[in-house]
Every structure is written in C-alpha cells, then in structure tokens.
Amino acid sequence: MNSAVHTASMGAQVFGYVLILLAGVACAAGLIWAFRLGFRVRSREPAPPRPDEQPRMPVSGPVHEIREMREPDEVPRAADDSERLTPYQLGNIRSRRAADQRRPRWSPGSSGSFGGGGGGRT
C-alpha cells in the first residue's frame, strides 16, 4: 500500500513538472512570435533619411527668437445688440504687434505682489 501512495505522488509531481515545462515553451514561443512580428513591421517602415536628405541651415543663417510686446485684436461685435456671436464667427484669437515695445516694469515703491511684505505704494 505504501508503494501505491508513493507512485501516485510521483505522478502528481511529474504532471506539475510537465505543466511548468509547457508554460516555459509557450512563453518562449510567444517571445519568438513577437520578435518576428516586430521584424516584419519594421521591414515595412520607410528607411531613415540619407545624409543628403537631412534638413539644412538656411542660407541666411540660423533663425533667432524675436521678443516683442503683443496686444490683442478687438473682439468683433454683433450687428445688433440682440444677436449673439457664435465661436465660429469669432475665429481664432489674434494679436498684433504693440506700438509701445517697452517692457512693463514694477513701479517704484511697490511690493510687487499682494502680501509680499513690502511697504506698498506710499
């Protein structure tokens, strides 16, 4: 009787080992499949640009950032006061170059912010 129990327990262990082996083979097969799929997708993509296709600097030289003060354009008004403008009638929010290009500065004697601890305007 003891040998029957021992044989049954060995069968269960072998079954567990076979399940682990099958799970490992399935993982390896999945990784190989994913690699092949990625290789096929990449082969269909366009090739990287050649050196002669790379962007070049303009003849006039590098483009620099421009700093300027901007002011908003006027909001269009409706024909009569009872009409309401819809978003497509307003269009994009535009701005234009300001006539005065001086940057706003803090007023002398101003603390700069509410509760900043300064003396404020005197």
N, C-alpha and C. Protein backbone atom coordinates (compact mmCIF):
# COMPACT_ATOMS: atom_id res chain seq x y z
N MET A 1 0.82 -1.18 0.00
CA MET A 1 0.00 0.00 0.00
C MET A 1 0.87 1.25 0.00
N ASN A 2 1.94 1.19 0.69
CA ASN A 2 2.84 2.32 0.75
C ASN A 2 3.41 2.64 -0.63
N SER A 3 3.71 1.67 -1.43
CA SER A 3 4.28 1.92 -2.75
C SER A 3 3.23 2.52 -3.69
N ALA A 4 1.94 2.24 -3.50
CA ALA A 4 0.89 2.81 -4.34
C ALA A 4 0.76 4.32 -4.09
N VAL A 5 0.84 4.72 -2.82
CA VAL A 5 0.77 6.14 -2.47
C VAL A 5 2.00 6.86 -3.03
N HIS A 6 3.16 6.23 -2.92
CA HIS A 6 4.39 6.82 -3.41
C HIS A 6 4.33 6.98 -4.94
N THR A 7 3.81 6.01 -5.63
CA THR A 7 3.69 6.07 -7.08
C THR A 7 2.69 7.16 -7.49
N ALA A 8 1.58 7.30 -6.77
CA ALA A 8 0.58 8.32 -7.08
C ALA A 8 1.16 9.72 -6.86
N SER A 9 1.94 9.90 -5.78
CA SER A 9 2.52 11.21 -5.52
C SER A 9 3.58 11.55 -6.56
N MET A 10 4.31 10.59 -7.05
CA MET A 10 5.30 10.83 -8.10
C MET A 10 4.60 11.24 -9.40
N GLY A 11 3.44 10.65 -9.67
CA GLY A 11 2.69 11.01 -10.87
C GLY A 11 2.23 12.46 -10.81
N ALA A 12 1.81 12.93 -9.65
CA ALA A 12 1.38 14.31 -9.50
C ALA A 12 2.57 15.26 -9.66
N GLN A 13 3.74 14.88 -9.16
CA GLN A 13 4.93 15.72 -9.31
C GLN A 13 5.35 15.81 -10.77
N VAL A 14 5.30 14.69 -11.46
CA VAL A 14 5.68 14.69 -12.87
C VAL A 14 4.71 15.56 -13.66
N PHE A 15 3.43 15.49 -13.33
CA PHE A 15 2.43 16.31 -14.00
C PHE A 15 2.72 17.80 -13.79
N GLY A 16 3.12 18.20 -12.60
CA GLY A 16 3.47 19.59 -12.30
C GLY A 16 4.69 20.04 -13.10
N TYR A 17 5.69 19.16 -13.17
CA TYR A 17 6.89 19.49 -13.95
C TYR A 17 6.57 19.65 -15.43
N VAL A 18 5.69 18.81 -15.93
CA VAL A 18 5.30 18.90 -17.35
C VAL A 18 4.55 20.21 -17.59
N LEU A 19 3.69 20.62 -16.66
CA LEU A 19 2.97 21.89 -16.81
C LEU A 19 3.93 23.07 -16.83
N ILE A 20 4.93 23.06 -15.94
CA ILE A 20 5.92 24.14 -15.91
C ILE A 20 6.71 24.16 -17.21
N LEU A 21 7.10 23.00 -17.71
CA LEU A 21 7.84 22.91 -18.97
C LEU A 21 6.99 23.44 -20.13
N LEU A 22 5.71 23.07 -20.18
CA LEU A 22 4.84 23.56 -21.24
C LEU A 22 4.64 25.07 -21.16
N ALA A 23 4.52 25.61 -19.95
CA ALA A 23 4.38 27.06 -19.79
C ALA A 23 5.64 27.77 -20.27
N GLY A 24 6.82 27.23 -19.99
CA GLY A 24 8.07 27.82 -20.47
C GLY A 24 8.19 27.78 -21.99
N VAL A 25 7.78 26.67 -22.57
CA VAL A 25 7.81 26.55 -24.03
C VAL A 25 6.83 27.54 -24.66
N ALA A 26 5.64 27.73 -24.04
CA ALA A 26 4.65 28.68 -24.56
C ALA A 26 5.20 30.11 -24.47
N CYS A 27 5.87 30.44 -23.38
CA CYS A 27 6.46 31.79 -23.24
C CYS A 27 7.54 32.01 -24.29
N ALA A 28 8.40 31.02 -24.48
CA ALA A 28 9.45 31.15 -25.49
C ALA A 28 8.85 31.29 -26.88
N ALA A 29 7.83 30.52 -27.19
CA ALA A 29 7.18 30.62 -28.50
C ALA A 29 6.53 31.99 -28.68
N GLY A 30 5.91 32.52 -27.63
CA GLY A 30 5.31 33.85 -27.70
C GLY A 30 6.35 34.93 -27.94
N LEU A 31 7.49 34.84 -27.29
CA LEU A 31 8.56 35.82 -27.49
C LEU A 31 9.11 35.75 -28.92
N ILE A 32 9.28 34.54 -29.44
CA ILE A 32 9.77 34.39 -30.81
C ILE A 32 8.75 34.96 -31.79
N TRP A 33 7.48 34.69 -31.56
CA TRP A 33 6.42 35.21 -32.44
C TRP A 33 6.42 36.74 -32.41
N ALA A 34 6.52 37.33 -31.20
CA ALA A 34 6.52 38.79 -31.08
C ALA A 34 7.73 39.40 -31.78
N PHE A 35 8.88 38.77 -31.67
CA PHE A 35 10.08 39.26 -32.34
C PHE A 35 9.91 39.23 -33.85
N ARG A 36 9.40 38.14 -34.37
CA ARG A 36 9.19 38.03 -35.82
C ARG A 36 8.16 39.06 -36.31
N LEU A 37 7.09 39.26 -35.54
CA LEU A 37 6.08 40.25 -35.92
C LEU A 37 6.69 41.65 -35.94
N GLY A 38 7.47 42.00 -34.93
CA GLY A 38 8.13 43.30 -34.89
C GLY A 38 9.12 43.47 -36.04
N PHE A 39 9.82 42.41 -36.40
CA PHE A 39 10.76 42.48 -37.51
C PHE A 39 10.02 42.72 -38.82
N ARG A 40 8.88 42.07 -39.02
CA ARG A 40 8.09 42.28 -40.23
C ARG A 40 7.54 43.70 -40.31
N VAL A 41 7.04 44.22 -39.18
CA VAL A 41 6.51 45.59 -39.15
C VAL A 41 7.62 46.58 -39.46
N ARG A 42 8.78 46.37 -38.87
CA ARG A 42 9.89 47.30 -39.10
C ARG A 42 10.39 47.25 -40.54
N SER A 43 10.33 46.08 -41.17
CA SER A 43 10.79 46.00 -42.55
C SER A 43 9.86 46.74 -43.51
N ARG A 44 8.58 46.94 -43.11
CA ARG A 44 7.64 47.68 -43.95
C ARG A 44 7.75 49.19 -43.77
N GLU A 45 8.41 49.66 -42.72
CA GLU A 45 8.56 51.10 -42.47
C GLU A 45 9.56 51.70 -43.46
N PRO A 46 9.44 53.00 -43.75
CA PRO A 46 10.41 53.62 -44.65
C PRO A 46 11.79 53.68 -44.00
N ALA A 47 12.80 53.69 -44.84
CA ALA A 47 14.18 53.73 -44.35
C ALA A 47 14.47 55.10 -43.75
N PRO A 48 15.44 55.20 -42.86
CA PRO A 48 15.79 56.52 -42.32
C PRO A 48 16.36 57.40 -43.43
N PRO A 49 16.26 58.71 -43.28
CA PRO A 49 16.73 59.61 -44.35
C PRO A 49 18.24 59.51 -44.54
N ARG A 50 18.66 59.64 -45.79
CA ARG A 50 20.08 59.63 -46.12
C ARG A 50 20.68 60.97 -45.72
N PRO A 51 22.01 61.06 -45.67
CA PRO A 51 22.64 62.34 -45.28
C PRO A 51 22.25 63.50 -46.19
N ASP A 52 22.04 63.25 -47.48
CA ASP A 52 21.68 64.35 -48.37
C ASP A 52 20.22 64.77 -48.21
N GLU A 53 19.42 63.96 -47.51
CA GLU A 53 18.01 64.30 -47.27
C GLU A 53 17.79 64.99 -45.92
N GLN A 54 18.86 65.16 -45.15
CA GLN A 54 18.74 65.77 -43.84
C GLN A 54 18.45 67.26 -43.99
N PRO A 55 17.76 67.86 -43.00
CA PRO A 55 17.49 69.30 -43.06
C PRO A 55 18.80 70.10 -43.03
N ARG A 56 18.79 71.23 -43.70
CA ARG A 56 19.98 72.09 -43.77
C ARG A 56 19.66 73.48 -43.23
N MET A 57 20.70 74.17 -42.78
CA MET A 57 20.54 75.53 -42.27
C MET A 57 20.23 76.46 -43.45
N PRO A 58 19.34 77.43 -43.27
CA PRO A 58 19.07 78.38 -44.35
C PRO A 58 20.32 79.16 -44.74
N VAL A 59 20.33 79.64 -45.97
CA VAL A 59 21.47 80.41 -46.47
C VAL A 59 21.65 81.67 -45.63
N SER A 60 20.55 82.25 -45.15
CA SER A 60 20.62 83.48 -44.37
C SER A 60 21.16 83.25 -42.96
N GLY A 61 21.41 82.02 -42.58
CA GLY A 61 21.95 81.71 -41.26
C GLY A 61 20.86 81.19 -40.34
N PRO A 62 21.22 80.95 -39.07
CA PRO A 62 20.24 80.40 -38.14
C PRO A 62 19.13 81.41 -37.83
N VAL A 63 17.97 80.87 -37.57
CA VAL A 63 16.82 81.71 -37.23
C VAL A 63 16.83 81.93 -35.72
N HIS A 64 16.65 83.19 -35.31
CA HIS A 64 16.70 83.52 -33.89
C HIS A 64 15.30 83.87 -33.38
N GLU A 65 15.16 83.78 -32.08
CA GLU A 65 13.90 84.13 -31.43
C GLU A 65 13.73 85.64 -31.44
N ILE A 66 12.50 86.08 -31.65
CA ILE A 66 12.21 87.51 -31.63
C ILE A 66 11.35 87.80 -30.41
N ARG A 67 11.75 88.79 -29.63
CA ARG A 67 10.95 89.19 -28.48
C ARG A 67 10.23 90.47 -28.83
N GLU A 68 8.93 90.48 -28.64
CA GLU A 68 8.18 91.70 -28.88
C GLU A 68 6.94 91.69 -28.01
N MET A 69 6.45 92.87 -27.70
CA MET A 69 5.23 93.00 -26.92
C MET A 69 4.06 92.88 -27.88
N ARG A 70 3.04 92.12 -27.49
CA ARG A 70 1.86 91.92 -28.32
C ARG A 70 0.64 92.47 -27.60
N GLU A 71 -0.37 92.86 -28.35
CA GLU A 71 -1.63 93.29 -27.76
C GLU A 71 -2.77 92.63 -28.53
N PRO A 72 -3.88 92.35 -27.86
CA PRO A 72 -4.97 91.61 -28.52
C PRO A 72 -5.70 92.47 -29.53
N ASP A 73 -6.20 91.81 -30.57
CA ASP A 73 -7.09 92.49 -31.53
C ASP A 73 -8.45 92.68 -30.88
N GLU A 74 -9.22 93.56 -31.44
CA GLU A 74 -10.56 93.81 -30.92
C GLU A 74 -11.47 92.62 -31.21
N VAL A 75 -12.38 92.34 -30.29
CA VAL A 75 -13.37 91.29 -30.48
C VAL A 75 -14.44 91.81 -31.42
N PRO A 76 -14.82 91.04 -32.44
CA PRO A 76 -15.87 91.53 -33.34
C PRO A 76 -17.20 91.72 -32.60
N ARG A 77 -17.95 92.70 -33.02
CA ARG A 77 -19.25 92.99 -32.41
C ARG A 77 -20.36 92.49 -33.30
N ALA A 78 -21.47 92.12 -32.69
CA ALA A 78 -22.64 91.67 -33.44
C ALA A 78 -23.30 92.86 -34.12
N ALA A 79 -24.07 92.58 -35.18
CA ALA A 79 -24.74 93.66 -35.94
C ALA A 79 -25.70 94.44 -35.05
N ASP A 80 -26.50 93.73 -34.29
CA ASP A 80 -27.39 94.40 -33.34
C ASP A 80 -27.18 93.78 -31.96
N ASP A 81 -27.60 94.46 -30.93
CA ASP A 81 -27.32 94.02 -29.56
C ASP A 81 -28.04 92.73 -29.19
N SER A 82 -29.12 92.39 -29.87
CA SER A 82 -29.86 91.18 -29.51
C SER A 82 -29.21 89.92 -30.10
N GLU A 83 -28.37 90.06 -31.10
CA GLU A 83 -27.73 88.91 -31.74
C GLU A 83 -26.53 88.45 -30.91
N ARG A 84 -26.32 87.17 -30.91
CA ARG A 84 -25.22 86.59 -30.16
C ARG A 84 -24.21 85.99 -31.14
N LEU A 85 -22.92 86.27 -30.94
CA LEU A 85 -21.89 85.70 -31.80
C LEU A 85 -21.56 84.28 -31.35
N THR A 86 -21.37 83.41 -32.31
CA THR A 86 -21.00 82.02 -32.02
C THR A 86 -19.50 81.86 -32.18
N PRO A 87 -18.91 80.79 -31.65
CA PRO A 87 -17.46 80.64 -31.71
C PRO A 87 -16.89 80.68 -33.13
N TYR A 88 -17.57 80.11 -34.11
CA TYR A 88 -17.01 80.13 -35.46
C TYR A 88 -17.05 81.53 -36.06
N GLN A 89 -17.91 82.42 -35.57
CA GLN A 89 -17.91 83.80 -36.04
C GLN A 89 -16.78 84.60 -35.42
N LEU A 90 -16.34 84.19 -34.23
CA LEU A 90 -15.25 84.89 -33.58
C LEU A 90 -13.90 84.54 -34.21
N GLY A 91 -13.74 83.31 -34.67
CA GLY A 91 -12.48 82.90 -35.27
C GLY A 91 -11.41 82.67 -34.22
N ASN A 92 -10.15 82.67 -34.68
CA ASN A 92 -9.03 82.45 -33.77
C ASN A 92 -8.75 83.72 -32.97
N ILE A 93 -8.18 83.53 -31.82
CA ILE A 93 -7.78 84.68 -31.01
C ILE A 93 -6.49 85.21 -31.61
N ARG A 94 -6.54 86.43 -32.07
CA ARG A 94 -5.38 87.01 -32.74
C ARG A 94 -4.78 88.11 -31.88
N SER A 95 -3.55 88.42 -32.19
CA SER A 95 -2.88 89.54 -31.53
C SER A 95 -2.05 90.26 -32.60
N ARG A 96 -1.63 91.45 -32.26
CA ARG A 96 -0.82 92.23 -33.19
C ARG A 96 0.34 92.84 -32.42
N ARG A 97 1.31 93.31 -33.16
CA ARG A 97 2.48 93.92 -32.55
C ARG A 97 2.05 95.23 -31.88
N ALA A 98 2.45 95.42 -30.65
CA ALA A 98 2.10 96.63 -29.91
C ALA A 98 2.94 97.80 -30.40
N ALA A 99 2.34 98.98 -30.38
CA ALA A 99 3.06 100.19 -30.79
C ALA A 99 4.16 100.50 -29.78
N ASP A 100 3.90 100.30 -28.49
CA ASP A 100 4.87 100.56 -27.44
C ASP A 100 5.58 99.25 -27.11
N GLN A 101 6.86 99.15 -27.40
CA GLN A 101 7.61 97.92 -27.19
C GLN A 101 8.37 97.90 -25.87
N ARG A 102 8.14 98.89 -25.00
CA ARG A 102 8.81 98.88 -23.70
C ARG A 102 8.17 97.80 -22.83
N ARG A 103 9.02 97.08 -22.12
CA ARG A 103 8.52 96.04 -21.22
C ARG A 103 7.99 96.67 -19.96
N PRO A 104 6.86 96.18 -19.43
CA PRO A 104 6.34 96.75 -18.17
C PRO A 104 7.28 96.41 -17.01
N ARG A 105 7.52 97.39 -16.18
CA ARG A 105 8.38 97.21 -15.00
C ARG A 105 7.59 97.48 -13.75
N TRP A 106 8.14 97.09 -12.63
CA TRP A 106 7.49 97.37 -11.36
C TRP A 106 7.55 98.85 -11.07
N SER A 107 6.51 99.34 -10.47
CA SER A 107 6.50 100.74 -10.05
C SER A 107 7.41 100.90 -8.83
N PRO A 108 8.16 102.01 -8.75
CA PRO A 108 8.99 102.20 -7.57
C PRO A 108 8.13 102.29 -6.32
N GLY A 109 8.56 101.65 -5.26
CA GLY A 109 7.81 101.66 -4.01
C GLY A 109 6.74 100.60 -3.95
N SER A 110 6.58 99.81 -4.99
CA SER A 110 5.56 98.76 -5.00
C SER A 110 6.19 97.48 -4.46
N SER A 111 5.43 96.71 -3.71
CA SER A 111 5.96 95.48 -3.16
C SER A 111 6.04 94.39 -4.21
N GLY A 112 5.31 94.51 -5.29
CA GLY A 112 5.39 93.54 -6.35
C GLY A 112 4.32 92.49 -6.30
N SER A 113 3.78 92.23 -5.13
CA SER A 113 2.70 91.24 -5.04
C SER A 113 1.90 91.49 -3.79
N PHE A 114 0.70 90.96 -3.78
CA PHE A 114 -0.15 91.10 -2.61
C PHE A 114 0.41 90.26 -1.49
N GLY A 115 0.62 90.87 -0.37
CA GLY A 115 1.15 90.13 0.77
C GLY A 115 2.63 89.87 0.65
N GLY A 116 3.34 90.60 -0.20
CA GLY A 116 4.77 90.35 -0.39
C GLY A 116 5.62 90.89 0.75
N GLY A 117 5.04 91.61 1.67
CA GLY A 117 5.79 92.08 2.82
C GLY A 117 6.41 93.45 2.63
N GLY A 118 6.27 94.01 1.44
CA GLY A 118 6.86 95.32 1.20
C GLY A 118 5.96 96.42 1.74
N GLY A 119 6.47 97.63 1.60
CA GLY A 119 5.73 98.79 2.11
C GLY A 119 4.55 99.16 1.24
N GLY A 120 4.54 98.71 0.02
CA GLY A 120 3.45 99.06 -0.86
C GLY A 120 3.61 100.46 -1.40
N ARG A 121 2.62 100.94 -2.10
CA ARG A 121 2.68 102.31 -2.63
C ARG A 121 2.47 103.30 -1.50
N THR A 122 3.27 104.33 -1.50
CA THR A 122 3.15 105.33 -0.42
C THR A 122 2.79 106.68 -0.99
